[in-house]
N, C-alpha and C. Protein backbone atom coordinates (compact mmCIF):
# COMPACT_ATOMS: atom_id res chain seq x y z
N UNK A 1 -32.15 -0.54 -36.38
CA UNK A 1 -31.03 -1.40 -36.14
C UNK A 1 -30.62 -1.31 -34.67
N UNK A 2 -30.37 -2.45 -34.04
CA UNK A 2 -30.05 -2.50 -32.62
C UNK A 2 -28.57 -2.19 -32.41
N UNK A 3 -28.30 -1.25 -31.48
CA UNK A 3 -26.93 -0.83 -31.21
C UNK A 3 -26.32 -1.73 -30.14
N UNK A 4 -25.04 -2.07 -30.29
CA UNK A 4 -24.34 -2.89 -29.30
C UNK A 4 -24.17 -2.11 -28.00
N UNK A 5 -24.28 -2.83 -26.89
CA UNK A 5 -24.07 -2.19 -25.59
C UNK A 5 -22.60 -1.83 -25.46
N UNK A 6 -22.32 -0.61 -25.04
CA UNK A 6 -20.95 -0.16 -24.85
C UNK A 6 -20.32 0.40 -26.12
N UNK A 7 -21.04 0.42 -27.22
CA UNK A 7 -20.48 0.93 -28.46
C UNK A 7 -20.39 2.45 -28.43
N UNK A 8 -21.22 3.08 -27.65
CA UNK A 8 -21.22 4.53 -27.52
C UNK A 8 -20.14 4.94 -26.53
N UNK A 9 -19.29 5.88 -26.92
CA UNK A 9 -18.21 6.31 -26.04
C UNK A 9 -18.71 7.03 -24.80
N UNK A 10 -19.89 7.53 -24.83
CA UNK A 10 -20.43 8.23 -23.66
C UNK A 10 -21.12 7.27 -22.69
N UNK A 11 -21.16 6.00 -23.01
CA UNK A 11 -21.77 4.99 -22.14
C UNK A 11 -20.92 4.82 -20.89
N UNK A 12 -21.51 5.07 -19.73
CA UNK A 12 -20.76 5.02 -18.48
C UNK A 12 -21.17 3.82 -17.61
N UNK A 13 -21.82 2.85 -18.20
CA UNK A 13 -22.26 1.70 -17.42
C UNK A 13 -21.04 0.95 -16.90
N UNK A 14 -21.05 0.66 -15.64
CA UNK A 14 -19.95 -0.06 -15.02
C UNK A 14 -18.85 0.83 -14.48
N UNK A 15 -18.84 2.10 -14.87
CA UNK A 15 -17.78 3.01 -14.42
C UNK A 15 -17.78 3.15 -12.90
N UNK A 16 -18.97 3.34 -12.32
CA UNK A 16 -19.05 3.53 -10.88
C UNK A 16 -18.59 2.27 -10.14
N UNK A 17 -18.94 1.10 -10.68
CA UNK A 17 -18.52 -0.16 -10.05
C UNK A 17 -17.00 -0.31 -10.09
N UNK A 18 -16.40 0.04 -11.20
CA UNK A 18 -14.94 -0.04 -11.32
C UNK A 18 -14.29 0.96 -10.39
N UNK A 19 -14.82 2.16 -10.34
CA UNK A 19 -14.27 3.18 -9.45
C UNK A 19 -14.38 2.73 -8.00
N UNK A 20 -15.49 2.12 -7.61
CA UNK A 20 -15.66 1.63 -6.25
C UNK A 20 -14.65 0.53 -5.93
N UNK A 21 -14.41 -0.37 -6.89
CA UNK A 21 -13.42 -1.44 -6.69
C UNK A 21 -12.01 -0.86 -6.52
N UNK A 22 -11.70 0.19 -7.28
CA UNK A 22 -10.39 0.84 -7.13
C UNK A 22 -10.25 1.46 -5.75
N UNK A 23 -11.30 2.10 -5.27
CA UNK A 23 -11.25 2.71 -3.94
C UNK A 23 -11.16 1.64 -2.86
N UNK A 24 -11.88 0.54 -3.03
CA UNK A 24 -11.79 -0.56 -2.07
C UNK A 24 -10.39 -1.16 -2.06
N UNK A 25 -9.78 -1.26 -3.22
CA UNK A 25 -8.42 -1.78 -3.32
C UNK A 25 -7.43 -0.87 -2.62
N UNK A 26 -7.63 0.43 -2.75
CA UNK A 26 -6.76 1.39 -2.06
C UNK A 26 -6.87 1.23 -0.55
N UNK A 27 -8.11 1.10 -0.08
CA UNK A 27 -8.31 0.92 1.36
C UNK A 27 -7.68 -0.38 1.85
N UNK A 28 -7.80 -1.43 1.03
CA UNK A 28 -7.22 -2.72 1.40
C UNK A 28 -5.71 -2.62 1.49
N UNK A 29 -5.10 -1.93 0.53
CA UNK A 29 -3.64 -1.74 0.57
C UNK A 29 -3.23 -1.00 1.83
N UNK A 30 -3.99 0.03 2.18
CA UNK A 30 -3.67 0.77 3.41
C UNK A 30 -3.80 -0.13 4.64
N UNK A 31 -4.83 -0.97 4.67
CA UNK A 31 -5.02 -1.88 5.80
C UNK A 31 -3.87 -2.88 5.90
N UNK A 32 -3.45 -3.42 4.76
CA UNK A 32 -2.34 -4.38 4.76
C UNK A 32 -1.05 -3.69 5.19
N UNK A 33 -0.84 -2.46 4.71
CA UNK A 33 0.34 -1.70 5.13
C UNK A 33 0.36 -1.52 6.64
N UNK A 34 -0.77 -1.14 7.20
CA UNK A 34 -0.84 -0.91 8.65
C UNK A 34 -0.61 -2.21 9.41
N UNK A 35 -1.18 -3.30 8.93
CA UNK A 35 -0.98 -4.60 9.56
C UNK A 35 0.50 -4.98 9.55
N UNK A 36 1.15 -4.79 8.40
CA UNK A 36 2.57 -5.13 8.31
C UNK A 36 3.43 -4.21 9.17
N UNK A 37 3.06 -2.93 9.27
CA UNK A 37 3.80 -2.02 10.15
C UNK A 37 3.72 -2.48 11.61
N UNK A 38 2.51 -2.87 12.02
CA UNK A 38 2.35 -3.35 13.40
C UNK A 38 3.15 -4.63 13.62
N UNK A 39 3.13 -5.52 12.63
CA UNK A 39 3.89 -6.77 12.74
C UNK A 39 5.39 -6.47 12.83
N UNK A 40 5.88 -5.56 12.01
CA UNK A 40 7.30 -5.20 12.02
C UNK A 40 7.69 -4.61 13.38
N UNK A 41 6.84 -3.77 13.93
CA UNK A 41 7.13 -3.18 15.24
C UNK A 41 7.18 -4.26 16.32
N UNK A 42 6.24 -5.20 16.26
CA UNK A 42 6.21 -6.28 17.24
C UNK A 42 7.45 -7.16 17.12
N UNK A 43 7.84 -7.49 15.88
CA UNK A 43 9.03 -8.31 15.66
C UNK A 43 10.28 -7.62 16.18
N UNK A 44 10.38 -6.32 15.91
CA UNK A 44 11.55 -5.57 16.35
C UNK A 44 11.62 -5.51 17.88
N UNK A 45 10.49 -5.23 18.51
CA UNK A 45 10.46 -5.16 19.97
C UNK A 45 10.80 -6.53 20.58
N UNK A 46 10.20 -7.59 20.06
CA UNK A 46 10.45 -8.94 20.57
C UNK A 46 11.92 -9.33 20.38
N UNK A 47 12.47 -9.03 19.21
CA UNK A 47 13.87 -9.36 18.93
C UNK A 47 14.81 -8.63 19.87
N UNK A 48 14.58 -7.35 20.09
CA UNK A 48 15.43 -6.58 20.99
C UNK A 48 15.33 -7.08 22.43
N UNK A 49 14.13 -7.47 22.84
CA UNK A 49 13.97 -8.02 24.19
C UNK A 49 14.70 -9.35 24.33
N UNK A 50 14.66 -10.19 23.32
CA UNK A 50 15.39 -11.46 23.37
C UNK A 50 16.90 -11.23 23.49
N UNK A 51 17.41 -10.30 22.72
CA UNK A 51 18.84 -9.99 22.79
C UNK A 51 19.20 -9.47 24.19
N UNK A 52 18.36 -8.61 24.74
CA UNK A 52 18.62 -8.07 26.08
C UNK A 52 18.57 -9.18 27.14
N UNK A 53 17.63 -10.09 27.02
CA UNK A 53 17.53 -11.20 27.97
C UNK A 53 18.78 -12.07 27.90
N UNK A 54 19.23 -12.36 26.69
CA UNK A 54 20.41 -13.21 26.53
C UNK A 54 21.64 -12.56 27.14
N UNK A 55 21.75 -11.25 27.04
CA UNK A 55 22.92 -10.55 27.57
C UNK A 55 22.86 -10.38 29.08
N UNK A 56 21.65 -10.33 29.64
CA UNK A 56 21.50 -10.18 31.10
C UNK A 56 21.58 -11.49 31.85
N UNK A 57 21.37 -12.59 31.17
CA UNK A 57 21.28 -13.89 31.83
C UNK A 57 22.57 -14.20 32.57
N UNK A 58 22.41 -14.86 33.70
CA UNK A 58 23.56 -15.25 34.53
C UNK A 58 24.22 -16.51 34.01
N UNK A 59 24.61 -17.36 34.93
CA UNK A 59 25.25 -18.61 34.56
C UNK A 59 26.75 -18.53 34.51
N UNK A 60 27.32 -17.44 34.99
CA UNK A 60 28.76 -17.27 34.94
C UNK A 60 29.48 -18.10 36.01
N UNK A 61 28.76 -18.53 37.01
CA UNK A 61 29.40 -19.30 38.08
C UNK A 61 29.46 -20.78 37.79
N UNK A 62 28.76 -21.22 36.75
CA UNK A 62 28.76 -22.65 36.42
C UNK A 62 30.10 -23.05 35.81
N UNK A 63 30.38 -24.34 35.89
CA UNK A 63 31.63 -24.85 35.33
C UNK A 63 31.35 -26.02 34.39
N UNK A 64 32.34 -26.35 33.61
CA UNK A 64 32.34 -27.52 32.74
C UNK A 64 31.21 -27.49 31.71
N UNK A 65 30.56 -28.63 31.52
CA UNK A 65 29.57 -28.75 30.44
C UNK A 65 28.32 -27.94 30.71
N UNK A 66 27.95 -27.73 31.96
CA UNK A 66 26.76 -26.92 32.27
C UNK A 66 26.99 -25.47 31.85
N UNK A 67 28.19 -24.96 32.07
CA UNK A 67 28.49 -23.59 31.65
C UNK A 67 28.44 -23.50 30.13
N UNK A 68 28.98 -24.50 29.44
CA UNK A 68 28.95 -24.50 27.98
C UNK A 68 27.50 -24.53 27.48
N UNK A 69 26.67 -25.29 28.16
CA UNK A 69 25.25 -25.37 27.78
C UNK A 69 24.55 -24.04 27.97
N UNK A 70 24.81 -23.38 29.09
CA UNK A 70 24.19 -22.08 29.37
C UNK A 70 24.68 -21.05 28.36
N UNK A 71 25.97 -21.07 28.07
CA UNK A 71 26.51 -20.13 27.07
C UNK A 71 25.89 -20.35 25.70
N UNK A 72 25.73 -21.62 25.34
CA UNK A 72 25.13 -21.95 24.05
C UNK A 72 23.67 -21.50 24.01
N UNK A 73 22.93 -21.71 25.10
CA UNK A 73 21.54 -21.28 25.19
C UNK A 73 21.43 -19.77 25.03
N UNK A 74 22.30 -19.03 25.71
CA UNK A 74 22.29 -17.58 25.60
C UNK A 74 22.61 -17.13 24.16
N UNK A 75 23.58 -17.81 23.54
CA UNK A 75 23.94 -17.46 22.16
C UNK A 75 22.77 -17.71 21.21
N UNK A 76 22.06 -18.81 21.41
CA UNK A 76 20.91 -19.12 20.55
C UNK A 76 19.78 -18.12 20.76
N UNK A 77 19.55 -17.74 22.00
CA UNK A 77 18.50 -16.74 22.28
C UNK A 77 18.87 -15.41 21.62
N UNK A 78 20.12 -15.02 21.73
CA UNK A 78 20.56 -13.77 21.11
C UNK A 78 20.45 -13.85 19.59
N UNK A 79 20.82 -14.97 19.01
CA UNK A 79 20.72 -15.17 17.56
C UNK A 79 19.25 -15.10 17.10
N UNK A 80 18.38 -15.75 17.86
CA UNK A 80 16.95 -15.72 17.53
C UNK A 80 16.43 -14.28 17.58
N UNK A 81 16.86 -13.53 18.59
CA UNK A 81 16.47 -12.12 18.68
C UNK A 81 16.93 -11.32 17.49
N UNK A 82 18.17 -11.54 17.06
CA UNK A 82 18.68 -10.79 15.90
C UNK A 82 17.93 -11.18 14.63
N UNK A 83 17.51 -12.43 14.52
CA UNK A 83 16.72 -12.84 13.36
C UNK A 83 15.36 -12.13 13.33
N UNK A 84 14.77 -11.95 14.50
CA UNK A 84 13.49 -11.22 14.56
C UNK A 84 13.68 -9.76 14.16
N UNK A 85 14.79 -9.16 14.56
CA UNK A 85 15.06 -7.78 14.17
C UNK A 85 15.26 -7.70 12.65
N UNK A 86 15.97 -8.69 12.08
CA UNK A 86 16.15 -8.73 10.62
C UNK A 86 14.80 -8.89 9.90
N UNK A 87 13.95 -9.75 10.44
CA UNK A 87 12.62 -9.95 9.85
C UNK A 87 11.84 -8.64 9.87
N UNK A 88 11.98 -7.90 10.94
CA UNK A 88 11.31 -6.60 11.03
C UNK A 88 11.76 -5.68 9.90
N UNK A 89 13.05 -5.66 9.62
CA UNK A 89 13.57 -4.84 8.52
C UNK A 89 13.03 -5.28 7.18
N UNK A 90 12.93 -6.58 6.97
CA UNK A 90 12.40 -7.09 5.70
C UNK A 90 10.93 -6.73 5.53
N UNK A 91 10.18 -6.80 6.61
CA UNK A 91 8.76 -6.43 6.55
C UNK A 91 8.63 -4.95 6.23
N UNK A 92 9.49 -4.12 6.82
CA UNK A 92 9.44 -2.68 6.55
C UNK A 92 9.74 -2.39 5.08
N UNK A 93 10.64 -3.15 4.48
CA UNK A 93 10.92 -2.99 3.05
C UNK A 93 9.69 -3.33 2.22
N UNK A 94 8.97 -4.37 2.59
CA UNK A 94 7.75 -4.74 1.87
C UNK A 94 6.68 -3.66 2.01
N UNK A 95 6.62 -3.04 3.17
CA UNK A 95 5.67 -1.94 3.38
C UNK A 95 6.00 -0.79 2.43
N UNK A 96 7.29 -0.49 2.28
CA UNK A 96 7.69 0.58 1.37
C UNK A 96 7.29 0.24 -0.07
N UNK A 97 7.43 -1.02 -0.46
CA UNK A 97 7.02 -1.43 -1.81
C UNK A 97 5.52 -1.27 -1.99
N UNK A 98 4.75 -1.62 -0.95
CA UNK A 98 3.30 -1.44 -1.03
C UNK A 98 2.93 0.03 -1.13
N UNK A 99 3.63 0.89 -0.40
CA UNK A 99 3.37 2.32 -0.47
C UNK A 99 3.64 2.84 -1.88
N UNK A 100 4.74 2.40 -2.47
CA UNK A 100 5.07 2.83 -3.84
C UNK A 100 4.01 2.34 -4.82
N UNK A 101 3.55 1.10 -4.65
CA UNK A 101 2.51 0.56 -5.51
C UNK A 101 1.22 1.36 -5.38
N UNK A 102 0.84 1.65 -4.13
CA UNK A 102 -0.39 2.41 -3.89
C UNK A 102 -0.29 3.81 -4.49
N UNK A 103 0.88 4.43 -4.39
CA UNK A 103 1.07 5.77 -4.95
C UNK A 103 0.96 5.72 -6.48
N UNK A 104 1.54 4.70 -7.08
CA UNK A 104 1.45 4.54 -8.54
C UNK A 104 -0.01 4.35 -8.96
N UNK A 105 -0.75 3.54 -8.21
CA UNK A 105 -2.16 3.31 -8.52
C UNK A 105 -2.96 4.60 -8.38
N UNK A 106 -2.62 5.42 -7.39
CA UNK A 106 -3.32 6.69 -7.18
C UNK A 106 -3.11 7.59 -8.40
N UNK A 107 -1.87 7.65 -8.89
CA UNK A 107 -1.59 8.47 -10.07
C UNK A 107 -2.35 7.95 -11.29
N UNK A 108 -2.39 6.65 -11.46
CA UNK A 108 -3.12 6.07 -12.58
C UNK A 108 -4.61 6.35 -12.47
N UNK A 109 -5.15 6.24 -11.25
CA UNK A 109 -6.58 6.49 -11.04
C UNK A 109 -6.92 7.94 -11.38
N UNK A 110 -6.03 8.87 -11.00
CA UNK A 110 -6.27 10.28 -11.32
C UNK A 110 -6.29 10.50 -12.83
N UNK A 111 -5.39 9.85 -13.53
CA UNK A 111 -5.36 9.98 -14.99
C UNK A 111 -6.66 9.48 -15.61
N UNK A 112 -7.13 8.32 -15.14
CA UNK A 112 -8.36 7.74 -15.68
C UNK A 112 -9.54 8.64 -15.36
N UNK A 113 -9.60 9.16 -14.14
CA UNK A 113 -10.71 10.05 -13.78
C UNK A 113 -10.69 11.31 -14.63
N UNK A 114 -9.51 11.86 -14.85
CA UNK A 114 -9.41 13.07 -15.67
C UNK A 114 -9.86 12.80 -17.10
N UNK A 115 -9.41 11.67 -17.66
CA UNK A 115 -9.80 11.32 -19.03
C UNK A 115 -11.31 11.09 -19.10
N UNK A 116 -11.88 10.45 -18.09
CA UNK A 116 -13.32 10.21 -18.08
C UNK A 116 -14.10 11.51 -18.01
N UNK A 117 -13.64 12.43 -17.16
CA UNK A 117 -14.31 13.72 -17.06
C UNK A 117 -14.20 14.49 -18.36
N UNK A 118 -13.05 14.43 -18.99
CA UNK A 118 -12.86 15.12 -20.26
C UNK A 118 -13.76 14.52 -21.33
N UNK A 119 -13.82 13.18 -21.36
CA UNK A 119 -14.68 12.51 -22.34
C UNK A 119 -16.15 12.87 -22.11
N UNK A 120 -16.55 12.92 -20.85
CA UNK A 120 -17.94 13.28 -20.52
C UNK A 120 -18.23 14.71 -20.98
N UNK A 121 -17.29 15.61 -20.73
CA UNK A 121 -17.48 17.00 -21.14
C UNK A 121 -17.55 17.13 -22.65
N UNK A 122 -16.72 16.38 -23.34
CA UNK A 122 -16.75 16.41 -24.80
C UNK A 122 -18.05 15.86 -25.33
N UNK A 123 -18.58 14.82 -24.69
CA UNK A 123 -19.85 14.25 -25.10
C UNK A 123 -20.97 15.27 -24.92
N UNK A 124 -20.96 15.95 -23.77
CA UNK A 124 -21.98 16.97 -23.51
C UNK A 124 -21.85 18.09 -24.54
N UNK A 125 -20.62 18.49 -24.82
CA UNK A 125 -20.42 19.55 -25.80
C UNK A 125 -20.92 19.15 -27.18
N UNK A 126 -20.70 17.90 -27.54
CA UNK A 126 -21.12 17.47 -28.88
C UNK A 126 -22.64 17.37 -28.99
N UNK A 127 -23.33 17.27 -27.87
CA UNK A 127 -24.78 17.13 -27.89
C UNK A 127 -25.51 18.45 -27.69
N UNK A 128 -24.77 19.52 -27.45
CA UNK A 128 -25.40 20.82 -27.22
C UNK A 128 -24.95 21.81 -28.28
N UNK A 129 -25.68 22.89 -28.33
CA UNK A 129 -25.31 23.97 -29.23
C UNK A 129 -24.22 24.77 -28.55
N UNK A 130 -23.13 24.97 -29.24
CA UNK A 130 -21.98 25.64 -28.65
C UNK A 130 -21.96 27.09 -29.09
N UNK A 131 -21.89 27.96 -28.12
CA UNK A 131 -21.71 29.37 -28.39
C UNK A 131 -20.31 29.74 -27.91
N UNK A 132 -19.76 30.81 -28.35
CA UNK A 132 -18.42 31.20 -27.89
C UNK A 132 -18.32 31.31 -26.36
N UNK A 133 -19.39 31.74 -25.70
CA UNK A 133 -19.37 31.86 -24.25
C UNK A 133 -19.26 30.48 -23.61
N UNK A 134 -20.02 29.49 -24.11
CA UNK A 134 -19.95 28.13 -23.58
C UNK A 134 -18.55 27.56 -23.76
N UNK A 135 -18.01 27.74 -24.93
CA UNK A 135 -16.70 27.16 -25.25
C UNK A 135 -15.62 27.73 -24.34
N UNK A 136 -15.64 29.02 -24.10
CA UNK A 136 -14.60 29.61 -23.24
C UNK A 136 -14.75 29.15 -21.80
N UNK A 137 -15.96 28.99 -21.29
CA UNK A 137 -16.13 28.55 -19.91
C UNK A 137 -15.74 27.09 -19.75
N UNK A 138 -16.07 26.24 -20.69
CA UNK A 138 -15.68 24.83 -20.62
C UNK A 138 -14.17 24.70 -20.76
N UNK A 139 -13.59 25.44 -21.67
CA UNK A 139 -12.14 25.39 -21.87
C UNK A 139 -11.40 25.80 -20.60
N UNK A 140 -11.88 26.85 -19.93
CA UNK A 140 -11.20 27.29 -18.72
C UNK A 140 -11.33 26.30 -17.58
N UNK A 141 -12.41 25.56 -17.52
CA UNK A 141 -12.61 24.55 -16.48
C UNK A 141 -11.62 23.40 -16.64
N UNK A 142 -11.45 22.92 -17.86
CA UNK A 142 -10.64 21.73 -18.10
C UNK A 142 -9.16 22.03 -18.39
N UNK A 143 -8.76 23.28 -18.34
CA UNK A 143 -7.35 23.58 -18.52
C UNK A 143 -6.69 23.93 -17.20
N UNK A 144 -7.41 23.79 -16.13
CA UNK A 144 -6.83 24.08 -14.80
C UNK A 144 -5.81 23.06 -14.42
């Protein structure tokens, strides 16, 4: 009688491919985190420079509508700078969420690896003759 593929619990086909995809996903998350960190730093630096430029700008000697225009331009530049600083903060929050997600995935991956190793050890044990010496050494390995 022909046995179905994957019906055996000790069948590890595809495990390495899944493990590789998990590791690639972890690396991708780290790359995205780093990209967002760099973007946040650039936004913060640019925003602070815009605010500084707006505060240093002259135009105090102008009168009438030209002075009002210069003041409005400076206010808009300063507002734009503050928006960039706010965007930097929002990006940093997203980075923290990605870090938490990656940490959660790491914990889940460890659980799966531990269960797989335990299942593999149990399969090996079920296929071999067990002596008290074997049992104690295997037990001590997996209870660490």
